[in-house]
Amino acid sequence: MAYLDRVLDPPVYGWSDSEGMLSKPTSKQLLTEFFKRLNIFRCKKNWLAFFSWSRVILLVPLVFLFFFKFFTIPLLVVFFIYSMIAMGTHGTIWHHRYCTHQAYTFRNKFWRFLTQNLTISMIPEEIYVVSHHVHHAKSDQPGDPYNASGGFLYCFLADVNHQPIAKSLSEEDYNRTVGLMKHTGVNANNYTQYLKWGSVTHPGLALMYCVMNWSFWYVLFFLIGGHALGCTIFASAAFWAVGVRTFNYEGHGKGEDKRRTGIDFNQKDMSINQLWPGFVAGEWHNNHHLYPKSARTGFLPHQIDFAWYYIWVLNKLGLVTSYHDSKKDFHHRYAKPYKRKKQENDEVQEQVAEPAVKLRSADQVML
């Protein structure tokens, strides 16, 4: 069994059935697994999933305060911009392109730390990074932690049910897992601590970093706009944290093949380029699956990529020292050949259609 086949903690219903096809659990099975894995009293190794969802739950009261006490149209605009653009783009910049795919490198640890904390911290790096490597290796196949063919809940609850690392890895496999996280700056547990907590991340450090991040941002927003602004932005972060859990279900066609000719060039899985995630977060998902290590995924003229703009600016300032950019290769291997083939087909159709038009014109003259 390969490393990526065993690095994640398999759910009780398994990744595949007896025939090797995707195991599709019922909603009851998914919810049962979800609450079992959130239960820190049953097993303290469930702490990371519990911690991740606790951040969302803790901010729910602020969501109600925003809508029922502080709500104004200007604050609604702030809510929208921060949740959709700021949080979405940061997720692409940090968790996706840097932490997982190392699409670019920072000049030093300071700029890495600054980028990591550009927004309110909502998702632990460990849950995202390790499982995302598995996602790319097994995209839309059994073992893909957020396989869209499993249904909405299969994806939405994946960060608890499918994405945590296995709790009894060998020391060799655990060190490989630490290696996947090393560049992110997350301080890793030693193997003895891992066996105790079931994670790369230590709970004490994770809590401390979260408290520091939240405290800094709330104080800053309070100084700018009082509790109204602080409440609004933290509520919008919670909104994003829930919404982002739906992305891979949508981004892989809800389990159906929704790829479009001339738009989605990657044919190895069912990922699709969507306008909304692309515009607000630079997440052109089919392009990303075609070139996972590219710091830019907005390859076509209409594909705005705010995440790439941030990386590009930092590079021009000397704060990002290198990056991968696959745009030229994309156009050379996919876009230009497609345009040439389409043009040739259009010319053939015109040649076929021209005699028919002349024949109809001749018939009309005779009549």
Protein backbone atom coordinates (compact mmCIF):
# COMPACT_ATOMS: atom_id res chain seq x y z
CA MET A 1 0.00 0.00 0.00
CA ALA A 2 1.43 3.36 -1.04
CA TYR A 3 2.01 6.13 1.50
CA LEU A 4 -0.88 8.31 0.24
CA ASP A 5 -3.20 5.29 0.57
CA ARG A 6 -2.57 5.06 4.29
CA VAL A 7 -1.77 8.60 5.48
CA LEU A 8 -5.42 9.58 6.10
CA ASP A 9 -7.63 8.08 8.80
CA PRO A 10 -10.20 5.96 6.92
CA PRO A 11 -13.87 6.37 7.90
CA VAL A 12 -15.77 3.44 9.33
CA TYR A 13 -17.63 2.98 6.03
CA GLY A 14 -14.33 2.80 4.14
CA TRP A 15 -13.13 4.42 0.95
CA SER A 16 -14.37 1.71 -1.42
CA ASP A 17 -16.77 -1.24 -1.48
CA SER A 18 -16.00 -4.92 -2.12
CA GLU A 19 -15.88 -4.28 -5.87
CA GLY A 20 -13.41 -1.41 -5.56
CA MET A 21 -16.01 1.26 -6.31
CA LEU A 22 -16.54 4.38 -4.19
CA SER A 23 -18.28 3.57 -0.93
CA LYS A 24 -21.30 5.89 -0.78
CA PRO A 25 -22.45 6.20 2.84
CA THR A 26 -25.94 7.31 3.78
CA SER A 27 -26.54 10.69 5.39
CA LYS A 28 -27.02 8.91 8.72
CA GLN A 29 -23.65 7.18 8.39
CA LEU A 30 -21.93 10.45 7.48
CA LEU A 31 -23.45 12.34 10.41
CA THR A 32 -22.72 9.50 12.82
CA GLU A 33 -19.08 9.48 11.73
CA PHE A 34 -18.94 13.28 11.95
CA PHE A 35 -20.12 13.53 15.55
CA LYS A 36 -18.06 10.52 16.60
CA ARG A 37 -14.90 12.15 15.27
CA LEU A 38 -15.73 15.46 16.96
CA ASN A 39 -16.06 13.80 20.36
CA ILE A 40 -12.92 14.73 22.29
CA PHE A 41 -14.25 12.94 25.39
CA ARG A 42 -14.34 9.69 23.48
CA CYS A 43 -10.80 10.21 22.15
CA LYS A 44 -8.54 13.22 22.71
CA LYS A 45 -6.94 12.52 19.32
CA ASN A 46 -10.10 14.08 17.84
CA TRP A 47 -8.95 17.46 19.11
CA LEU A 48 -7.95 18.99 15.74
CA ALA A 49 -11.29 18.41 14.02
CA PHE A 50 -13.05 19.65 17.16
CA PHE A 51 -10.80 22.72 17.25
CA SER A 52 -11.47 23.49 13.59
CA TRP A 53 -15.26 23.44 13.96
CA SER A 54 -15.13 25.18 17.35
CA ARG A 55 -13.80 28.28 15.61
CA VAL A 56 -16.91 28.40 13.47
CA ILE A 57 -19.30 27.72 16.37
CA LEU A 58 -17.67 30.40 18.54
CA LEU A 59 -18.35 33.01 15.85
CA VAL A 60 -22.02 32.11 15.30
CA PRO A 61 -23.20 34.65 17.94
CA LEU A 62 -21.34 37.36 16.03
CA VAL A 63 -23.24 36.41 12.89
CA PHE A 64 -26.52 37.05 14.72
CA LEU A 65 -25.19 40.29 16.20
CA PHE A 66 -24.22 41.50 12.75
CA PHE A 67 -27.62 40.78 11.19
CA PHE A 68 -29.81 41.88 14.10
CA LYS A 69 -27.83 44.68 15.80
CA PHE A 70 -25.13 46.17 13.58
CA PHE A 71 -26.57 45.59 10.13
CA THR A 72 -26.18 48.42 7.60
CA ILE A 73 -25.69 48.38 3.83
CA PRO A 74 -22.06 49.61 4.07
CA LEU A 75 -21.28 46.86 6.60
CA LEU A 76 -22.98 44.32 4.35
CA VAL A 77 -20.58 45.38 1.59
CA VAL A 78 -17.67 44.90 4.02
CA PHE A 79 -19.09 41.48 4.98
CA PHE A 80 -19.26 40.46 1.33
CA ILE A 81 -15.80 41.73 0.36
CA TYR A 82 -14.05 40.20 3.36
CA SER A 83 -15.74 36.80 3.20
CA MET A 84 -15.73 36.32 -0.55
CA ILE A 85 -12.59 38.14 -1.71
CA ALA A 86 -10.23 38.61 1.25
CA MET A 87 -10.79 35.20 2.89
CA GLY A 88 -11.25 33.39 -0.42
CA THR A 89 -8.13 34.82 -2.04
CA HIS A 90 -6.06 34.25 1.10
CA GLY A 91 -7.13 30.62 1.19
CA THR A 92 -5.84 30.23 -2.36
CA ILE A 93 -2.61 32.14 -1.68
CA TRP A 94 -1.73 30.43 1.58
CA HIS A 95 -3.37 27.03 2.07
CA HIS A 96 -3.61 26.05 -1.57
CA ARG A 97 -0.71 27.43 -3.60
CA TYR A 98 1.92 27.73 -0.86
CA CYS A 99 1.22 25.24 1.93
CA THR A 100 0.13 22.39 -0.33
CA HIS A 101 1.81 22.90 -3.69
CA GLN A 102 4.79 25.14 -2.85
CA ALA A 103 4.09 27.11 -6.02
CA TYR A 104 6.30 29.95 -4.79
CA THR A 105 8.92 30.66 -2.14
CA PHE A 106 9.26 33.50 0.35
CA ARG A 107 12.41 35.52 0.88
CA ASN A 108 12.35 34.76 4.60
CA LYS A 109 10.17 33.53 7.47
CA PHE A 110 8.80 37.00 8.23
CA TRP A 111 6.98 37.34 4.91
CA ARG A 112 5.73 33.79 5.22
CA PHE A 113 4.36 34.58 8.69
CA LEU A 114 2.80 37.83 7.46
CA THR A 115 1.10 36.05 4.55
CA GLN A 116 -0.12 33.28 6.82
CA ASN A 117 -1.83 35.83 9.07
CA LEU A 118 -3.18 38.24 6.47
CA THR A 119 -6.70 37.27 7.49
CA ILE A 120 -8.55 35.73 10.42
CA SER A 121 -7.33 32.18 11.01
CA MET A 122 -10.13 29.64 10.45
CA ILE A 123 -8.68 26.42 8.94
CA PRO A 124 -5.75 24.43 10.41
CA GLU A 125 -3.00 23.93 7.83
CA GLU A 126 -2.63 20.27 8.73
CA ILE A 127 -6.19 19.33 7.86
CA TYR A 128 -5.92 21.06 4.49
CA VAL A 129 -2.42 20.23 3.30
CA VAL A 130 -2.00 16.49 3.83
CA SER A 131 -5.46 15.57 2.56
CA HIS A 132 -5.09 17.82 -0.48
CA HIS A 133 -2.08 15.83 -1.65
CA VAL A 134 -4.28 12.74 -1.49
CA HIS A 135 -7.04 14.57 -3.36
CA HIS A 136 -4.74 15.26 -6.30
CA ALA A 137 -3.38 11.71 -6.33
CA LYS A 138 -6.87 10.17 -6.26
CA SER A 139 -9.08 12.89 -7.68
CA ASP A 140 -12.67 11.63 -8.18
CA GLN A 141 -11.58 8.10 -7.26
CA PRO A 142 -12.13 6.04 -4.09
CA GLY A 143 -9.85 7.50 -1.45
CA ASP A 144 -10.33 11.09 -2.59
CA PRO A 145 -11.25 12.71 0.78
CA TYR A 146 -13.80 15.03 -0.85
CA ASN A 147 -15.02 12.95 -3.76
CA ALA A 148 -18.00 14.83 -5.25
CA SER A 149 -19.57 11.53 -6.35
CA GLY A 150 -20.14 10.78 -2.67
CA GLY A 151 -22.66 13.62 -2.46
CA PHE A 152 -22.88 17.01 -0.79
CA LEU A 153 -22.50 15.83 2.82
CA TYR A 154 -19.59 13.59 1.84
CA CYS A 155 -17.71 16.75 0.81
CA PHE A 156 -19.12 19.18 3.37
CA LEU A 157 -18.16 17.01 6.36
CA ALA A 158 -14.88 15.87 4.83
CA ASP A 159 -12.62 17.94 7.09
CA VAL A 160 -13.78 15.79 9.99
CA ASN A 161 -14.71 12.48 8.34
CA HIS A 162 -11.98 12.08 5.72
CA GLN A 163 -9.18 14.64 5.97
CA PRO A 164 -7.45 14.07 9.35
CA ILE A 165 -4.27 12.04 9.26
CA ALA A 166 -4.25 8.45 10.49
CA LYS A 167 -3.69 8.11 14.22
CA SER A 168 -1.27 5.17 14.15
CA LEU A 169 1.23 5.91 11.39
CA SER A 170 4.63 4.27 11.56
CA GLU A 171 7.47 6.57 12.54
CA GLU A 172 8.68 6.57 8.94
CA ASP A 173 5.26 7.54 7.58
CA TYR A 174 4.84 10.18 10.27
CA ASN A 175 8.17 11.76 9.33
CA ARG A 176 7.05 11.84 5.69
CA THR A 177 3.87 13.61 6.81
CA VAL A 178 5.90 16.14 8.78
CA GLY A 179 7.92 16.69 5.61
CA LEU A 180 4.75 17.71 3.75
CA MET A 181 4.20 20.41 6.39
CA LYS A 182 7.78 21.52 7.09
CA HIS A 183 7.84 24.58 4.81
CA THR A 184 4.59 25.97 6.29
CA GLY A 185 6.24 26.95 9.57
CA VAL A 186 3.92 24.73 11.64
CA ASN A 187 5.92 23.37 14.59
CA ALA A 188 5.61 19.59 14.38
CA ASN A 189 5.14 17.18 17.26
CA ASN A 190 7.81 14.56 17.75
CA TYR A 191 6.70 10.97 17.19
CA THR A 192 5.88 10.38 20.87
CA GLN A 193 3.72 13.50 20.96
CA TYR A 194 2.04 12.42 17.72
CA LEU A 195 1.06 9.08 19.25
CA LYS A 196 -0.46 11.00 22.16
CA TRP A 197 -2.36 13.67 20.18
CA GLY A 198 -2.82 12.00 16.78
CA SER A 199 -1.65 15.07 14.88
CA VAL A 200 1.38 16.90 13.51
CA THR A 201 0.22 20.07 15.26
CA HIS A 202 0.38 20.41 19.04
CA PRO A 203 -2.97 21.56 20.54
CA GLY A 204 -1.33 24.07 22.88
CA LEU A 205 0.53 25.82 20.08
CA ALA A 206 -2.50 25.74 17.77
CA LEU A 207 -4.65 27.40 20.43
CA MET A 208 -2.00 30.00 21.20
CA TYR A 209 -1.55 30.99 17.55
CA CYS A 210 -5.31 31.21 17.03
CA VAL A 211 -5.79 33.42 20.10
CA MET A 212 -2.98 35.71 18.98
CA ASN A 213 -4.36 35.95 15.44
CA TRP A 214 -7.94 36.61 16.54
CA SER A 215 -6.88 39.12 19.21
CA PHE A 216 -4.75 41.12 16.79
CA TRP A 217 -7.44 41.35 14.13
CA TYR A 218 -10.35 42.09 16.46
CA VAL A 219 -8.42 44.86 18.24
CA LEU A 220 -7.41 46.37 14.89
CA PHE A 221 -10.95 46.29 13.49
CA PHE A 222 -12.33 47.65 16.77
CA LEU A 223 -9.92 50.59 16.65
CA ILE A 224 -11.01 51.32 13.09
CA GLY A 225 -14.77 50.88 13.43
CA GLY A 226 -15.70 49.72 16.91
CA HIS A 227 -17.54 46.51 17.77
CA ALA A 228 -19.73 46.92 14.70
CA LEU A 229 -16.81 46.47 12.30
CA GLY A 230 -15.11 43.81 14.41
CA CYS A 231 -18.32 41.82 14.65
CA THR A 232 -19.03 42.19 10.94
CA ILE A 233 -15.65 40.96 9.77
CA PHE A 234 -15.42 38.05 12.21
CA ALA A 235 -18.95 37.02 11.23
CA SER A 236 -17.92 37.12 7.58
CA ALA A 237 -14.93 34.87 8.36
CA ALA A 238 -17.31 32.31 9.86
CA PHE A 239 -19.53 32.58 6.79
CA TRP A 240 -16.55 31.85 4.54
CA ALA A 241 -15.39 28.95 6.70
CA VAL A 242 -18.75 27.24 6.22
CA GLY A 243 -19.02 28.10 2.53
CA VAL A 244 -15.53 26.89 1.62
CA ARG A 245 -16.50 23.40 2.79
CA THR A 246 -18.91 23.22 -0.15
CA PHE A 247 -16.34 24.15 -2.78
CA ASN A 248 -15.01 20.78 -3.89
CA TYR A 249 -18.54 19.43 -4.37
CA GLU A 250 -19.29 22.33 -6.69
CA GLY A 251 -15.79 22.45 -8.17
CA HIS A 252 -16.04 18.84 -9.35
CA GLY A 253 -19.44 19.19 -10.98
CA LYS A 254 -21.46 17.78 -8.06
CA GLY A 255 -20.32 14.35 -9.13
CA GLU A 256 -21.31 14.85 -12.76
CA ASP A 257 -19.19 15.58 -15.81
CA LYS A 258 -19.80 19.29 -16.42
CA ARG A 259 -16.55 20.06 -18.23
CA ARG A 260 -16.89 22.40 -21.22
CA THR A 261 -14.93 22.24 -24.43
CA GLY A 262 -12.54 25.14 -24.77
CA ILE A 263 -12.85 26.03 -21.08
CA ASP A 264 -11.89 22.93 -19.10
CA PHE A 265 -8.82 21.36 -20.70
CA ASN A 266 -7.91 18.92 -17.94
CA GLN A 267 -9.60 15.61 -18.78
CA LYS A 268 -8.11 13.47 -15.99
CA ASP A 269 -10.86 14.29 -13.48
CA MET A 270 -14.15 16.19 -13.27
CA SER A 271 -12.79 19.50 -12.02
CA ILE A 272 -14.28 22.56 -13.70
CA ASN A 273 -13.45 26.24 -14.03
CA GLN A 274 -16.20 28.28 -12.36
CA LEU A 275 -16.59 32.01 -12.77
CA TRP A 276 -17.49 32.87 -9.18
CA PRO A 277 -14.65 31.08 -7.34
CA GLY A 278 -12.32 32.22 -10.10
CA PHE A 279 -13.24 35.90 -9.89
CA VAL A 280 -13.31 36.20 -6.08
CA ALA A 281 -10.52 33.80 -5.11
CA GLY A 282 -8.45 33.04 -8.21
CA GLU A 283 -9.60 29.43 -7.99
CA TRP A 284 -9.81 28.27 -11.59
CA HIS A 285 -10.07 24.69 -10.50
CA ASN A 286 -9.72 22.79 -13.77
CA ASN A 287 -6.66 24.87 -14.62
CA HIS A 288 -5.29 24.13 -11.17
CA HIS A 289 -5.69 20.39 -11.62
CA LEU A 290 -3.93 20.71 -14.97
CA TYR A 291 -1.02 22.60 -13.37
CA PRO A 292 -1.14 22.01 -9.58
CA LYS A 293 2.19 23.71 -8.87
CA SER A 294 1.48 26.89 -10.82
CA ALA A 295 1.31 30.11 -8.80
CA ARG A 296 -1.08 31.41 -11.47
CA THR A 297 -4.22 29.59 -12.63
CA GLY A 298 -5.96 32.43 -14.45
CA PHE A 299 -4.67 31.51 -17.89
CA LEU A 300 -7.38 32.84 -20.24
CA PRO A 301 -8.07 36.60 -20.73
CA HIS A 302 -11.27 36.61 -18.64
CA GLN A 303 -9.76 34.58 -15.79
CA ILE A 304 -9.03 37.16 -13.09
CA ASP A 305 -6.61 35.82 -10.48
CA PHE A 306 -6.25 37.97 -7.35
CA ALA A 307 -4.11 35.33 -5.65
CA TRP A 308 -1.60 35.52 -8.51
CA TYR A 309 -1.57 39.32 -8.38
CA TYR A 310 -0.53 39.18 -4.71
CA ILE A 311 2.27 36.69 -5.44
CA TRP A 312 3.41 38.72 -8.47
CA VAL A 313 3.57 41.98 -6.48
CA LEU A 314 5.55 40.31 -3.69
CA ASN A 315 7.94 38.95 -6.28
CA LYS A 316 8.45 42.41 -7.79
CA LEU A 317 9.18 43.73 -4.30
CA GLY A 318 11.71 40.95 -3.74
CA LEU A 319 9.65 39.31 -0.98
CA VAL A 320 8.83 36.22 -3.06
CA THR A 321 12.04 34.92 -4.59
CA SER A 322 10.69 32.37 -7.07
CA TYR A 323 7.46 30.98 -8.43
CA HIS A 324 6.07 28.56 -11.01
CA ASP A 325 3.96 30.10 -13.78
CA SER A 326 2.44 27.66 -16.27
CA LYS A 327 0.53 30.15 -18.41
CA LYS A 328 2.88 29.93 -21.42
CA ASP A 329 2.90 26.15 -21.32
CA PHE A 330 -0.90 26.12 -21.07
CA HIS A 331 -1.28 28.22 -24.19
CA HIS A 332 1.37 26.23 -26.07
CA ARG A 333 -0.03 22.79 -25.24
CA TYR A 334 -3.77 23.45 -24.93
CA ALA A 335 -5.21 26.86 -25.84
CA LYS A 336 -3.43 27.47 -29.17
CA PRO A 337 -3.94 23.90 -30.52
CA TYR A 338 -7.61 24.12 -29.56
CA LYS A 339 -8.00 27.45 -31.41
CA ARG A 340 -6.26 26.08 -34.50
CA LYS A 341 -8.41 22.96 -34.53
CA LYS A 342 -11.58 24.99 -33.99
CA GLN A 343 -10.63 27.34 -36.82
CA GLU A 344 -9.96 24.39 -39.15
CA ASN A 345 -13.33 22.83 -38.25
CA ASP A 346 -15.11 26.14 -38.85
CA GLU A 347 -13.46 26.45 -42.27
CA VAL A 348 -14.51 22.90 -43.21
CA GLN A 349 -18.09 23.61 -42.14
CA GLU A 350 -18.12 26.80 -44.22
CA GLN A 351 -16.86 24.88 -47.25
CA VAL A 352 -19.56 22.24 -46.78
CA ALA A 353 -22.26 24.83 -46.25
CA GLU A 354 -21.33 27.05 -49.25
CA PRO A 355 -22.50 24.63 -52.03
CA ALA A 356 -25.74 24.05 -50.17
CA VAL A 357 -26.39 27.78 -50.00
CA LYS A 358 -25.68 28.15 -53.74
CA LEU A 359 -27.99 25.24 -54.53
CA ARG A 360 -30.83 26.78 -52.52
CA SER A 361 -30.28 30.11 -54.29
CA ALA A 362 -30.41 28.38 -57.70
CA ASP A 363 -33.66 26.61 -56.77
CA GLN A 364 -35.22 29.91 -55.74
CA VAL A 365 -34.25 31.49 -59.11
CA MET A 366 -35.81 28.59 -61.02
CA LEU A 367 -39.01 28.94 -59.02
